[in-house]
Amino acid sequence: MQKLLEGRRKMSIRDVEAILYDNKSELAEKFIPAFMGILKDNPLTSSRLARIYFQEWDYSMDSGKVAPRCTR
């Protein structure tokens, strides 16, 4: 949220709505290519399934989709 608000002094309701309803993961878009490179030659079934999933994922998260999640 802080990153999205940096440099903005006054926000409209539309700006706030755009931030709150944004469902695209910029981090996933940045790091999935690296993960794909790591998984590339791995013959394990789980690696193959991850490659298929990542290739078809548009980096967005919706209630109707099963998206990767990060637990911290």
PDB file of N, CA and C in Angstrom:
ATOM      1  N   MET A   1       0.828  -1.182   0.000  1.00  0.00           N
ATOM      2  CA  MET A   1       0.000   0.000   0.000  1.00  0.00           C
ATOM      3  C   MET A   1       0.877   1.252   0.000  1.00  0.00           C
ATOM      4  N   GLN A   2       1.935   1.198   0.798  1.00  0.00           N
ATOM      5  CA  GLN A   2       2.820   2.362   0.876  1.00  0.00           C
ATOM      6  C   GLN A   2       3.440   2.663  -0.485  1.00  0.00           C
ATOM      7  N   LYS A   3       3.836   1.622  -1.198  1.00  0.00           N
ATOM      8  CA  LYS A   3       4.433   1.810  -2.523  1.00  0.00           C
ATOM      9  C   LYS A   3       3.440   2.473  -3.475  1.00  0.00           C
ATOM     10  N   LEU A   4       2.178   2.053  -3.404  1.00  0.00           N
ATOM     11  CA  LEU A   4       1.167   2.611  -4.287  1.00  0.00           C
ATOM     12  C   LEU A   4       0.844   4.067  -3.954  1.00  0.00           C
ATOM     13  N   LEU A   5       1.037   4.447  -2.704  1.00  0.00           N
ATOM     14  CA  LEU A   5       0.714   5.800  -2.277  1.00  0.00           C
ATOM     15  C   LEU A   5       1.872   6.785  -2.369  1.00  0.00           C
ATOM     16  N   GLU A   6       3.088   6.288  -2.587  1.00  0.00           N
ATOM     17  CA  GLU A   6       4.251   7.170  -2.643  1.00  0.00           C
ATOM     18  C   GLU A   6       4.078   8.237  -3.721  1.00  0.00           C
ATOM     19  N   GLY A   7       4.410   9.459  -3.371  1.00  0.00           N
ATOM     20  CA  GLY A   7       4.392  10.546  -4.330  1.00  0.00           C
ATOM     21  C   GLY A   7       3.023  11.137  -4.600  1.00  0.00           C
ATOM     22  N   ARG A   8       1.993  10.630  -3.981  1.00  0.00           N
ATOM     23  CA  ARG A   8       0.645  11.164  -4.196  1.00  0.00           C
ATOM     24  C   ARG A   8       0.237  12.001  -2.988  1.00  0.00           C
ATOM     25  N   ARG A   9      -0.149  13.217  -3.244  1.00  0.00           N
ATOM     26  CA  ARG A   9      -0.575  14.090  -2.149  1.00  0.00           C
ATOM     27  C   ARG A   9      -2.092  14.054  -1.994  1.00  0.00           C
ATOM     28  N   LYS A  10      -2.806  14.061  -3.092  1.00  0.00           N
ATOM     29  CA  LYS A  10      -4.258  14.060  -3.036  1.00  0.00           C
ATOM     30  C   LYS A  10      -4.761  12.965  -3.960  1.00  0.00           C
ATOM     31  N   MET A  11      -5.678  12.173  -3.450  1.00  0.00           N
ATOM     32  CA  MET A  11      -6.196  11.060  -4.235  1.00  0.00           C
ATOM     33  C   MET A  11      -7.699  11.189  -4.389  1.00  0.00           C
ATOM     34  N   SER A  12      -8.159  10.795  -5.556  1.00  0.00           N
ATOM     35  CA  SER A  12      -9.604  10.790  -5.790  1.00  0.00           C
ATOM     36  C   SER A  12     -10.173   9.445  -5.328  1.00  0.00           C
ATOM     37  N   ILE A  13     -11.465   9.361  -5.288  1.00  0.00           N
ATOM     38  CA  ILE A  13     -12.116   8.101  -4.930  1.00  0.00           C
ATOM     39  C   ILE A  13     -11.740   7.020  -5.939  1.00  0.00           C
ATOM     40  N   ARG A  14     -11.639   7.382  -7.191  1.00  0.00           N
ATOM     41  CA  ARG A  14     -11.249   6.404  -8.236  1.00  0.00           C
ATOM     42  C   ARG A  14      -9.828   5.882  -8.004  1.00  0.00           C
ATOM     43  N   ASP A  15      -8.932   6.752  -7.560  1.00  0.00           N
ATOM     44  CA  ASP A  15      -7.561   6.320  -7.252  1.00  0.00           C
ATOM     45  C   ASP A  15      -7.554   5.299  -6.125  1.00  0.00           C
ATOM     46  N   VAL A  16      -8.323   5.572  -5.075  1.00  0.00           N
ATOM     47  CA  VAL A  16      -8.403   4.660  -3.933  1.00  0.00           C
ATOM     48  C   VAL A  16      -9.023   3.333  -4.366  1.00  0.00           C
ATOM     49  N   GLU A  17     -10.088   3.380  -5.154  1.00  0.00           N
ATOM     50  CA  GLU A  17     -10.718   2.156  -5.640  1.00  0.00           C
ATOM     51  C   GLU A  17      -9.747   1.332  -6.489  1.00  0.00           C
ATOM     52  N   ALA A  18      -8.967   1.995  -7.329  1.00  0.00           N
ATOM     53  CA  ALA A  18      -8.006   1.285  -8.173  1.00  0.00           C
ATOM     54  C   ALA A  18      -6.975   0.544  -7.328  1.00  0.00           C
ATOM     55  N   ILE A  19      -6.540   1.169  -6.241  1.00  0.00           N
ATOM     56  CA  ILE A  19      -5.575   0.521  -5.349  1.00  0.00           C
ATOM     57  C   ILE A  19      -6.220  -0.661  -4.633  1.00  0.00           C
ATOM     58  N   LEU A  20      -7.416  -0.463  -4.103  1.00  0.00           N
ATOM     59  CA  LEU A  20      -8.072  -1.509  -3.323  1.00  0.00           C
ATOM     60  C   LEU A  20      -8.493  -2.707  -4.164  1.00  0.00           C
ATOM     61  N   TYR A  21      -8.853  -2.464  -5.418  1.00  0.00           N
ATOM     62  CA  TYR A  21      -9.332  -3.560  -6.263  1.00  0.00           C
ATOM     63  C   TYR A  21      -8.249  -4.151  -7.159  1.00  0.00           C
ATOM     64  N   ASP A  22      -7.024  -3.668  -7.030  1.00  0.00           N
ATOM     65  CA  ASP A  22      -5.919  -4.209  -7.823  1.00  0.00           C
ATOM     66  C   ASP A  22      -5.640  -5.641  -7.372  1.00  0.00           C
ATOM     67  N   ASN A  23      -5.697  -6.583  -8.283  1.00  0.00           N
ATOM     68  CA  ASN A  23      -5.500  -7.985  -7.916  1.00  0.00           C
ATOM     69  C   ASN A  23      -4.325  -8.619  -8.652  1.00  0.00           C
ATOM     70  N   LYS A  24      -3.479  -7.815  -9.233  1.00  0.00           N
ATOM     71  CA  LYS A  24      -2.336  -8.339  -9.977  1.00  0.00           C
ATOM     72  C   LYS A  24      -1.082  -8.281  -9.117  1.00  0.00           C
ATOM     73  N   SER A  25      -0.325  -9.365  -9.109  1.00  0.00           N
ATOM     74  CA  SER A  25       0.888  -9.440  -8.303  1.00  0.00           C
ATOM     75  C   SER A  25       2.103  -9.041  -9.131  1.00  0.00           C
ATOM     76  N   GLU A  26       2.638  -7.869  -8.824  1.00  0.00           N
ATOM     77  CA  GLU A  26       3.847  -7.416  -9.516  1.00  0.00           C
ATOM     78  C   GLU A  26       5.051  -8.268  -9.145  1.00  0.00           C
ATOM     79  N   LEU A  27       5.097  -8.744  -7.899  1.00  0.00           N
ATOM     80  CA  LEU A  27       6.211  -9.598  -7.478  1.00  0.00           C
ATOM     81  C   LEU A  27       6.207 -10.917  -8.238  1.00  0.00           C
ATOM     82  N   ALA A  28       5.034 -11.501  -8.409  1.00  0.00           N
ATOM     83  CA  ALA A  28       4.955 -12.755  -9.156  1.00  0.00           C
ATOM     84  C   ALA A  28       5.407 -12.539 -10.596  1.00  0.00           C
ATOM     85  N   GLU A  29       4.962 -11.453 -11.182  1.00  0.00           N
ATOM     86  CA  GLU A  29       5.347 -11.161 -12.564  1.00  0.00           C
ATOM     87  C   GLU A  29       6.860 -11.000 -12.691  1.00  0.00           C
ATOM     88  N   LYS A  30       7.474 -10.498 -11.644  1.00  0.00           N
ATOM     89  CA  LYS A  30       8.919 -10.274 -11.658  1.00  0.00           C
ATOM     90  C   LYS A  30       9.709 -11.573 -11.441  1.00  0.00           C
ATOM     91  N   PHE A  31       9.222 -12.435 -10.528  1.00  0.00           N
ATOM     92  CA  PHE A  31      10.021 -13.594 -10.131  1.00  0.00           C
ATOM     93  C   PHE A  31       9.634 -14.918 -10.785  1.00  0.00           C
ATOM     94  N   ILE A  32       8.462 -15.033 -11.371  1.00  0.00           N
ATOM     95  CA  ILE A  32       8.076 -16.298 -12.010  1.00  0.00           C
ATOM     96  C   ILE A  32       9.064 -16.710 -13.100  1.00  0.00           C
ATOM     97  N   PRO A  33       9.574 -15.800 -13.932  1.00  0.00           N
ATOM     98  CA  PRO A  33      10.574 -16.228 -14.916  1.00  0.00           C
ATOM     99  C   PRO A  33      11.803 -16.889 -14.273  1.00  0.00           C
ATOM    100  N   ALA A  34      12.223 -16.402 -13.121  1.00  0.00           N
ATOM    101  CA  ALA A  34      13.366 -17.014 -12.430  1.00  0.00           C
ATOM    102  C   ALA A  34      12.999 -18.409 -11.938  1.00  0.00           C
ATOM    103  N   PHE A  35      11.793 -18.558 -11.370  1.00  0.00           N
ATOM    104  CA  PHE A  35      11.355 -19.875 -10.914  1.00  0.00           C
ATOM    105  C   PHE A  35      11.223 -20.851 -12.082  1.00  0.00           C
ATOM    106  N   MET A  36      10.759 -20.351 -13.206  1.00  0.00           N
ATOM    107  CA  MET A  36      10.619 -21.221 -14.385  1.00  0.00           C
ATOM    108  C   MET A  36      11.987 -21.734 -14.820  1.00  0.00           C
ATOM    109  N   GLY A  37      13.002 -20.893 -14.719  1.00  0.00           N
ATOM    110  CA  GLY A  37      14.356 -21.321 -15.059  1.00  0.00           C
ATOM    111  C   GLY A  37      14.872 -22.385 -14.111  1.00  0.00           C
ATOM    112  N   ILE A  38      14.551 -22.256 -12.835  1.00  0.00           N
ATOM    113  CA  ILE A  38      14.971 -23.240 -11.837  1.00  0.00           C
ATOM    114  C   ILE A  38      14.260 -24.574 -12.055  1.00  0.00           C
ATOM    115  N   LEU A  39      12.975 -24.503 -12.383  1.00  0.00           N
ATOM    116  CA  LEU A  39      12.174 -25.722 -12.560  1.00  0.00           C
ATOM    117  C   LEU A  39      12.361 -26.389 -13.925  1.00  0.00           C
ATOM    118  N   LYS A  40      12.993 -25.698 -14.834  1.00  0.00           N
ATOM    119  CA  LYS A  40      13.084 -26.119 -16.233  1.00  0.00           C
ATOM    120  C   LYS A  40      13.498 -27.582 -16.435  1.00  0.00           C
ATOM    121  N   ASP A  41      14.560 -28.006 -15.837  1.00  0.00           N
ATOM    122  CA  ASP A  41      15.090 -29.350 -16.070  1.00  0.00           C
ATOM    123  C   ASP A  41      14.765 -30.344 -14.953  1.00  0.00           C
ATOM    124  N   ASN A  42      13.911 -29.952 -14.034  1.00  0.00           N
ATOM    125  CA  ASN A  42      13.564 -30.827 -12.926  1.00  0.00           C
ATOM    126  C   ASN A  42      12.477 -31.809 -13.369  1.00  0.00           C
ATOM    127  N   PRO A  43      12.753 -33.119 -13.304  1.00  0.00           N
ATOM    128  CA  PRO A  43      11.801 -34.110 -13.811  1.00  0.00           C
ATOM    129  C   PRO A  43      10.669 -34.471 -12.842  1.00  0.00           C
ATOM    130  N   LEU A  44      10.697 -33.956 -11.621  1.00  0.00           N
ATOM    131  CA  LEU A  44       9.655 -34.309 -10.661  1.00  0.00           C
ATOM    132  C   LEU A  44       8.279 -33.850 -11.143  1.00  0.00           C
ATOM    133  N   THR A  45       7.277 -34.646 -10.839  1.00  0.00           N
ATOM    134  CA  THR A  45       5.916 -34.327 -11.259  1.00  0.00           C
ATOM    135  C   THR A  45       5.466 -32.978 -10.721  1.00  0.00           C
ATOM    136  N   SER A  46       5.774 -32.676  -9.471  1.00  0.00           N
ATOM    137  CA  SER A  46       5.361 -31.401  -8.887  1.00  0.00           C
ATOM    138  C   SER A  46       6.008 -30.221  -9.621  1.00  0.00           C
ATOM    139  N   SER A  47       7.238 -30.396 -10.096  1.00  0.00           N
ATOM    140  CA  SER A  47       7.901 -29.336 -10.860  1.00  0.00           C
ATOM    141  C   SER A  47       7.229 -29.141 -12.204  1.00  0.00           C
ATOM    142  N   ARG A  48       6.865 -30.239 -12.833  1.00  0.00           N
ATOM    143  CA  ARG A  48       6.165 -30.135 -14.123  1.00  0.00           C
ATOM    144  C   ARG A  48       4.816 -29.458 -13.957  1.00  0.00           C
ATOM    145  N   LEU A  49       4.093 -29.815 -12.896  1.00  0.00           N
ATOM    146  CA  LEU A  49       2.794 -29.188 -12.654  1.00  0.00           C
ATOM    147  C   LEU A  49       2.953 -27.693 -12.348  1.00  0.00           C
ATOM    148  N   ALA A  50       3.980 -27.342 -11.602  1.00  0.00           N
ATOM    149  CA  ALA A  50       4.230 -25.929 -11.304  1.00  0.00           C
ATOM    150  C   ALA A  50       4.527 -25.157 -12.586  1.00  0.00           C
ATOM    151  N   ARG A  51       5.319 -25.750 -13.478  1.00  0.00           N
ATOM    152  CA  ARG A  51       5.618 -25.078 -14.753  1.00  0.00           C
ATOM    153  C   ARG A  51       4.344 -24.840 -15.561  1.00  0.00           C
ATOM    154  N   ILE A  52       3.482 -25.848 -15.622  1.00  0.00           N
ATOM    155  CA  ILE A  52       2.217 -25.702 -16.355  1.00  0.00           C
ATOM    156  C   ILE A  52       1.385 -24.593 -15.729  1.00  0.00           C
ATOM    157  N   TYR A  53       1.278 -24.618 -14.412  1.00  0.00           N
ATOM    158  CA  TYR A  53       0.481 -23.614 -13.710  1.00  0.00           C
ATOM    159  C   TYR A  53       1.034 -22.211 -13.949  1.00  0.00           C
ATOM    160  N   PHE A  54       2.345 -22.034 -13.787  1.00  0.00           N
ATOM    161  CA  PHE A  54       2.946 -20.714 -13.955  1.00  0.00           C
ATOM    162  C   PHE A  54       2.834 -20.213 -15.383  1.00  0.00           C
ATOM    163  N   GLN A  55       2.928 -21.109 -16.377  1.00  0.00           N
ATOM    164  CA  GLN A  55       2.815 -20.689 -17.768  1.00  0.00           C
ATOM    165  C   GLN A  55       1.431 -20.136 -18.071  1.00  0.00           C
ATOM    166  N   GLU A  56       0.411 -20.672 -17.425  1.00  0.00           N
ATOM    167  CA  GLU A  56      -0.963 -20.259 -17.711  1.00  0.00           C
ATOM    168  C   GLU A  56      -1.459 -19.147 -16.793  1.00  0.00           C
ATOM    169  N   TRP A  57      -0.699 -18.782 -15.774  1.00  0.00           N
ATOM    170  CA  TRP A  57      -1.142 -17.802 -14.795  1.00  0.00           C
ATOM    171  C   TRP A  57      -0.900 -16.385 -15.305  1.00  0.00           C
ATOM    172  N   ASP A  58      -1.888 -15.520 -15.175  1.00  0.00           N
ATOM    173  CA  ASP A  58      -1.755 -14.131 -15.615  1.00  0.00           C
ATOM    174  C   ASP A  58      -1.367 -13.192 -14.466  1.00  0.00           C
ATOM    175  N   TYR A  59      -0.888 -13.755 -13.353  1.00  0.00           N
ATOM    176  CA  TYR A  59      -0.397 -13.027 -12.176  1.00  0.00           C
ATOM    177  C   TYR A  59      -1.505 -12.291 -11.419  1.00  0.00           C
ATOM    178  N   SER A  60      -2.751 -12.666 -11.667  1.00  0.00           N
ATOM    179  CA  SER A  60      -3.835 -12.029 -10.927  1.00  0.00           C
ATOM    180  C   SER A  60      -4.446 -13.023  -9.950  1.00  0.00           C
ATOM    181  N   MET A  61      -5.105 -12.488  -8.943  1.00  0.00           N
ATOM    182  CA  MET A  61      -5.737 -13.322  -7.926  1.00  0.00           C
ATOM    183  C   MET A  61      -7.201 -12.929  -7.840  1.00  0.00           C
ATOM    184  N   ASP A  62      -8.089 -13.882  -8.043  1.00  0.00           N
ATOM    185  CA  ASP A  62      -9.527 -13.671  -7.939  1.00  0.00           C
ATOM    186  C   ASP A  62     -10.112 -14.786  -7.095  1.00  0.00           C
ATOM    187  N   SER A  63     -11.299 -14.564  -6.593  1.00  0.00           N
ATOM    188  CA  SER A  63     -11.932 -15.596  -5.773  1.00  0.00           C
ATOM    189  C   SER A  63     -12.237 -16.845  -6.583  1.00  0.00           C
ATOM    190  N   GLY A  64     -12.383 -16.708  -7.886  1.00  0.00           N
ATOM    191  CA  GLY A  64     -12.666 -17.863  -8.741  1.00  0.00           C
ATOM    192  C   GLY A  64     -11.434 -18.597  -9.218  1.00  0.00           C
ATOM    193  N   LYS A  65     -10.260 -18.131  -8.840  1.00  0.00           N
ATOM    194  CA  LYS A  65      -9.009 -18.756  -9.283  1.00  0.00           C
ATOM    195  C   LYS A  65      -8.268 -19.331  -8.084  1.00  0.00           C
ATOM    196  N   VAL A  66      -7.475 -20.317  -8.357  1.00  0.00           N
ATOM    197  CA  VAL A  66      -6.584 -20.834  -7.323  1.00  0.00           C
ATOM    198  C   VAL A  66      -5.217 -20.248  -7.618  1.00  0.00           C
ATOM    199  N   ALA A  67      -4.784 -19.328  -6.785  1.00  0.00           N
ATOM    200  CA  ALA A  67      -3.504 -18.662  -7.010  1.00  0.00           C
ATOM    201  C   ALA A  67      -2.504 -19.051  -5.938  1.00  0.00           C
ATOM    202  N   PRO A  68      -1.214 -19.006  -6.256  1.00  0.00           N
ATOM    203  CA  PRO A  68      -0.205 -19.280  -5.247  1.00  0.00           C
ATOM    204  C   PRO A  68      -0.338 -18.279  -4.117  1.00  0.00           C
ATOM    205  N   ARG A  69       0.006 -18.688  -2.931  1.00  0.00           N
ATOM    206  CA  ARG A  69      -0.049 -17.747  -1.815  1.00  0.00           C
ATOM    207  C   ARG A  69       1.239 -17.798  -1.037  1.00  0.00           C
ATOM    208  N   CYS A  70       1.535 -16.716  -0.418  1.00  0.00           N
ATOM    209  CA  CYS A  70       2.751 -16.604   0.375  1.00  0.00           C
ATOM    210  C   CYS A  70       2.342 -16.461   1.830  1.00  0.00           C
ATOM    211  N   THR A  71       2.873 -17.325   2.672  1.00  0.00           N
ATOM    212  CA  THR A  71       2.606 -17.183   4.101  1.00  0.00           C
ATOM    213  C   THR A  71       3.898 -16.743   4.757  1.00  0.00           C
ATOM    214  N   ARG A  72       3.805 -15.764   5.581  1.00  0.00           N
ATOM    215  CA  ARG A  72       5.007 -15.231   6.230  1.00  0.00           C
ATOM    216  C   ARG A  72       4.951 -15.486   7.694  1.00  0.00           C
TER     217      ARG A  72
END
